[in-house]
Amino acid sequence: MRVIKALAALCFVVIGVLFGALNRDHVHVDVGVASFDVRLGFLILVVALIAACLGGLAVWPMRRKLRAGGTRSSGPVTGEMPALREPPR
């Protein structure tokens, strides 16, 4: 499984490098306190990296709780119902 993940990561790196090389136009970015010129491909890759990190930080507490054996607060409905027993007489 690690080999498959490594190959997938390598493919995404190659795609990112090609994407950055093909989008060489310069764009002007103004972030309020500063402004700068940067290549479009580099800007999109940086924004995607920041978004991936923020997404990872958002789900990190949930993954840690699941690995620790905690209960899931939400998830798919399985349709399982507890067995109903008749009360003893």
C-alpha atoms as a PDB file:
ATOM      1  CA  MET A   1       0.000   0.000   0.000  1.00  0.00           C
ATOM      2  CA  ARG A   2       2.874   2.392   0.711  1.00  0.00           C
ATOM      3  CA  VAL A   3       4.227   1.868  -2.791  1.00  0.00           C
ATOM      4  CA  ILE A   4       0.873   2.817  -4.309  1.00  0.00           C
ATOM      5  CA  LYS A   5       0.670   5.935  -2.147  1.00  0.00           C
ATOM      6  CA  ALA A   6       4.232   6.899  -3.070  1.00  0.00           C
ATOM      7  CA  LEU A   7       3.513   6.449  -6.787  1.00  0.00           C
ATOM      8  CA  ALA A   8       0.329   8.513  -6.494  1.00  0.00           C
ATOM      9  CA  ALA A   9       2.226  11.276  -4.679  1.00  0.00           C
ATOM     10  CA  LEU A  10       4.945  11.208  -7.340  1.00  0.00           C
ATOM     11  CA  CYS A  11       2.321  11.513 -10.083  1.00  0.00           C
ATOM     12  CA  PHE A  12       0.803  14.549  -8.362  1.00  0.00           C
ATOM     13  CA  VAL A  13       4.235  16.155  -8.008  1.00  0.00           C
ATOM     14  CA  VAL A  14       4.946  15.640 -11.713  1.00  0.00           C
ATOM     15  CA  ILE A  15       1.521  17.054 -12.631  1.00  0.00           C
ATOM     16  CA  GLY A  16       2.166  20.043 -10.356  1.00  0.00           C
ATOM     17  CA  VAL A  17       5.563  20.732 -11.909  1.00  0.00           C
ATOM     18  CA  LEU A  18       4.087  20.511 -15.411  1.00  0.00           C
ATOM     19  CA  PHE A  19       1.198  22.749 -14.388  1.00  0.00           C
ATOM     20  CA  GLY A  20       3.579  25.335 -12.986  1.00  0.00           C
ATOM     21  CA  ALA A  21       5.771  25.204 -16.083  1.00  0.00           C
ATOM     22  CA  LEU A  22       2.847  25.668 -18.463  1.00  0.00           C
ATOM     23  CA  ASN A  23       1.355  28.655 -16.564  1.00  0.00           C
ATOM     24  CA  ARG A  24       4.254  31.085 -16.695  1.00  0.00           C
ATOM     25  CA  ASP A  25       2.257  34.313 -16.945  1.00  0.00           C
ATOM     26  CA  HIS A  26       2.859  36.834 -14.183  1.00  0.00           C
ATOM     27  CA  VAL A  27      -0.102  38.073 -12.149  1.00  0.00           C
ATOM     28  CA  HIS A  28      -0.358  40.913  -9.660  1.00  0.00           C
ATOM     29  CA  VAL A  29      -1.591  39.832  -6.226  1.00  0.00           C
ATOM     30  CA  ASP A  30      -2.810  42.328  -3.631  1.00  0.00           C
ATOM     31  CA  VAL A  31      -3.443  40.881  -0.156  1.00  0.00           C
ATOM     32  CA  GLY A  32      -4.271  44.132   1.600  1.00  0.00           C
ATOM     33  CA  VAL A  33      -1.038  44.718   3.514  1.00  0.00           C
ATOM     34  CA  ALA A  34       1.255  43.836   0.617  1.00  0.00           C
ATOM     35  CA  SER A  35       1.178  43.346  -3.114  1.00  0.00           C
ATOM     36  CA  PHE A  36       3.513  41.409  -5.364  1.00  0.00           C
ATOM     37  CA  ASP A  37       3.914  39.871  -8.802  1.00  0.00           C
ATOM     38  CA  VAL A  38       4.130  36.106  -9.027  1.00  0.00           C
ATOM     39  CA  ARG A  39       3.766  33.428 -11.678  1.00  0.00           C
ATOM     40  CA  LEU A  40       0.227  32.074 -12.047  1.00  0.00           C
ATOM     41  CA  GLY A  41       1.183  28.389 -11.804  1.00  0.00           C
ATOM     42  CA  PHE A  42       3.196  28.961  -8.639  1.00  0.00           C
ATOM     43  CA  LEU A  43       0.372  30.958  -7.077  1.00  0.00           C
ATOM     44  CA  ILE A  44      -2.217  28.253  -7.765  1.00  0.00           C
ATOM     45  CA  LEU A  45       0.069  25.524  -6.387  1.00  0.00           C
ATOM     46  CA  VAL A  46       0.743  27.528  -3.204  1.00  0.00           C
ATOM     47  CA  VAL A  47      -2.967  28.187  -2.676  1.00  0.00           C
ATOM     48  CA  ALA A  48      -3.726  24.470  -3.215  1.00  0.00           C
ATOM     49  CA  LEU A  49      -1.022  23.522  -0.692  1.00  0.00           C
ATOM     50  CA  ILE A  50      -2.400  25.959   1.882  1.00  0.00           C
ATOM     51  CA  ALA A  51      -5.923  24.595   1.327  1.00  0.00           C
ATOM     52  CA  ALA A  52      -4.704  21.002   1.765  1.00  0.00           C
ATOM     53  CA  CYS A  53      -2.948  21.916   5.018  1.00  0.00           C
ATOM     54  CA  LEU A  54      -6.021  23.703   6.376  1.00  0.00           C
ATOM     55  CA  GLY A  55      -8.190  20.721   5.424  1.00  0.00           C
ATOM     56  CA  GLY A  56      -5.789  18.374   7.187  1.00  0.00           C
ATOM     57  CA  LEU A  57      -5.840  20.529  10.293  1.00  0.00           C
ATOM     58  CA  ALA A  58      -9.641  20.538  10.228  1.00  0.00           C
ATOM     59  CA  VAL A  59      -9.939  16.724  10.242  1.00  0.00           C
ATOM     60  CA  TRP A  60      -6.912  15.998  12.446  1.00  0.00           C
ATOM     61  CA  PRO A  61      -8.828  15.965  15.776  1.00  0.00           C
ATOM     62  CA  MET A  62     -11.421  13.586  14.319  1.00  0.00           C
ATOM     63  CA  ARG A  63      -8.778  11.189  12.992  1.00  0.00           C
ATOM     64  CA  ARG A  64      -6.958  11.249  16.316  1.00  0.00           C
ATOM     65  CA  LYS A  65     -10.189  10.438  18.161  1.00  0.00           C
ATOM     66  CA  LEU A  66     -10.961   7.538  15.812  1.00  0.00           C
ATOM     67  CA  ARG A  67      -7.467   6.102  16.185  1.00  0.00           C
ATOM     68  CA  ALA A  68      -7.769   6.293  19.953  1.00  0.00           C
ATOM     69  CA  GLY A  69     -10.888   4.133  19.825  1.00  0.00           C
ATOM     70  CA  GLY A  70     -13.431   6.839  20.450  1.00  0.00           C
ATOM     71  CA  THR A  71     -16.971   6.640  19.265  1.00  0.00           C
ATOM     72  CA  ARG A  72     -18.014   8.255  16.048  1.00  0.00           C
ATOM     73  CA  SER A  73     -20.400  11.118  16.482  1.00  0.00           C
ATOM     74  CA  SER A  74     -21.728  10.861  12.950  1.00  0.00           C
ATOM     75  CA  GLY A  75     -21.425   8.600   9.968  1.00  0.00           C
ATOM     76  CA  PRO A  76     -23.374   6.560   7.517  1.00  0.00           C
ATOM     77  CA  VAL A  77     -26.617   5.011   8.625  1.00  0.00           C
ATOM     78  CA  THR A  78     -26.256   1.238   8.624  1.00  0.00           C
ATOM     79  CA  GLY A  79     -29.882   0.341   9.087  1.00  0.00           C
ATOM     80  CA  GLU A  80     -29.073  -2.070  11.889  1.00  0.00           C
ATOM     81  CA  MET A  81     -31.655  -2.283  14.619  1.00  0.00           C
ATOM     82  CA  PRO A  82     -31.137  -3.859  18.032  1.00  0.00           C
ATOM     83  CA  ALA A  83     -32.896  -7.149  18.512  1.00  0.00           C
ATOM     84  CA  LEU A  84     -36.210  -6.739  20.287  1.00  0.00           C
ATOM     85  CA  ARG A  85     -36.848  -9.216  23.077  1.00  0.00           C
ATOM     86  CA  GLU A  86     -40.027  -9.994  24.847  1.00  0.00           C
ATOM     87  CA  PRO A  87     -39.954  -9.124  28.526  1.00  0.00           C
ATOM     88  CA  PRO A  88     -39.596 -12.124  30.864  1.00  0.00           C
ATOM     89  CA  ARG A  89     -42.847 -13.449  32.442  1.00  0.00           C
END
